[in-house]
Amino acid sequence: MHIQLLTICNCVLHIIESILSQEELPDFYEENLKIISDCCTIILQTDFPQFNLEIHQLYLCKARGKVVRLVHLYQSKFAEYFKDY
């Protein structure tokens, strides 16, 4: 079950990253930046003790890496929207 949750999380982050690679920030992301930011913060800050197997840690590490890439992408391309978060 944990692997599926982490896989879904990684897929969603990958989709967000792909869409943010566009030149212009889509309205959906601008309108939901607070929610996206909160979710990314949870992924980065929570220890998730239930993900105790090495494979869980690998998927969690991938998710955290994707969050860092998203933050970098937001800051470099859309700083005016991201400054509050």
Protein backbone atom coordinates (compact mmCIF):
# COMPACT_ATOMS: atom_id res chain seq x y z
CA MET A 1 0.00 0.00 0.00
CA HIS A 2 2.78 2.45 0.88
CA ILE A 3 4.55 1.86 -2.42
CA GLN A 4 1.35 2.71 -4.32
CA LEU A 5 0.89 5.96 -2.37
CA LEU A 6 4.46 7.02 -3.02
CA THR A 7 4.18 6.05 -6.68
CA ILE A 8 1.03 8.16 -7.07
CA CYS A 9 2.74 11.05 -5.30
CA ASN A 10 5.73 10.81 -7.66
CA CYS A 11 3.45 10.66 -10.70
CA VAL A 12 1.49 13.73 -9.63
CA LEU A 13 4.70 15.66 -8.97
CA HIS A 14 6.02 14.60 -12.37
CA ILE A 15 2.86 15.88 -14.08
CA ILE A 16 3.10 19.20 -12.25
CA GLU A 17 6.76 19.51 -13.22
CA SER A 18 5.98 18.75 -16.87
CA ILE A 19 3.26 21.39 -17.03
CA LEU A 20 5.43 23.98 -15.30
CA SER A 21 8.04 23.53 -18.00
CA GLN A 22 5.79 25.64 -20.23
CA GLU A 23 6.57 29.28 -20.85
CA GLU A 24 3.46 30.60 -19.13
CA LEU A 25 2.03 29.57 -15.77
CA PRO A 26 -1.37 27.91 -16.33
CA ASP A 27 -4.24 29.53 -14.41
CA PHE A 28 -4.94 26.34 -12.47
CA TYR A 29 -1.47 26.40 -10.91
CA GLU A 30 -1.58 30.09 -10.17
CA GLU A 31 -4.96 29.70 -8.45
CA ASN A 32 -3.87 26.61 -6.46
CA LEU A 33 -0.30 27.57 -5.62
CA LYS A 34 -1.06 27.67 -1.89
CA ILE A 35 -2.36 24.08 -1.92
CA ILE A 36 0.52 22.86 -4.08
CA SER A 37 3.00 24.62 -1.81
CA ASP A 38 1.44 23.12 1.33
CA CYS A 39 1.57 19.59 -0.13
CA CYS A 40 5.20 20.03 -1.13
CA THR A 41 6.05 21.29 2.36
CA ILE A 42 4.45 18.21 3.92
CA ILE A 43 6.47 15.91 1.66
CA LEU A 44 9.70 17.68 2.62
CA GLN A 45 9.12 18.09 6.36
CA THR A 46 7.34 14.92 7.45
CA ASP A 47 9.36 11.91 8.61
CA PHE A 48 6.76 9.31 7.56
CA PRO A 49 7.77 6.58 10.06
CA GLN A 50 5.42 4.12 8.32
CA PHE A 51 7.78 4.22 5.30
CA ASN A 52 10.44 2.23 7.10
CA LEU A 53 11.60 -0.15 4.36
CA GLU A 54 14.51 0.73 2.11
CA ILE A 55 12.26 0.71 -0.96
CA HIS A 56 9.89 3.15 0.76
CA GLN A 57 12.80 5.45 1.51
CA LEU A 58 13.88 5.32 -2.13
CA TYR A 59 10.44 6.41 -3.37
CA LEU A 60 10.22 9.09 -0.67
CA CYS A 61 13.65 10.39 -1.67
CA LYS A 62 12.48 10.58 -5.29
CA ALA A 63 9.38 12.54 -4.23
CA ARG A 64 11.47 14.96 -2.21
CA GLY A 65 13.82 15.42 -5.14
CA LYS A 66 10.87 16.25 -7.38
CA VAL A 67 9.64 18.81 -4.84
CA VAL A 68 13.06 20.49 -4.84
CA ARG A 69 12.99 20.62 -8.66
CA LEU A 70 9.48 22.10 -8.57
CA VAL A 71 10.56 24.80 -6.13
CA HIS A 72 13.56 25.61 -8.30
CA LEU A 73 11.38 25.74 -11.42
CA TYR A 74 8.80 27.96 -9.75
CA GLN A 75 11.46 30.32 -8.42
CA SER A 76 13.39 30.58 -11.66
CA LYS A 77 10.44 30.94 -14.06
CA PHE A 78 7.56 32.26 -11.99
CA ALA A 79 9.19 34.13 -9.09
CA GLU A 80 6.46 36.79 -9.02
CA TYR A 81 3.86 34.13 -8.14
CA PHE A 82 6.06 32.12 -5.83
CA LYS A 83 7.50 34.85 -3.58
CA ASP A 84 4.72 34.49 -0.96
CA TYR A 85 5.41 30.78 -0.49
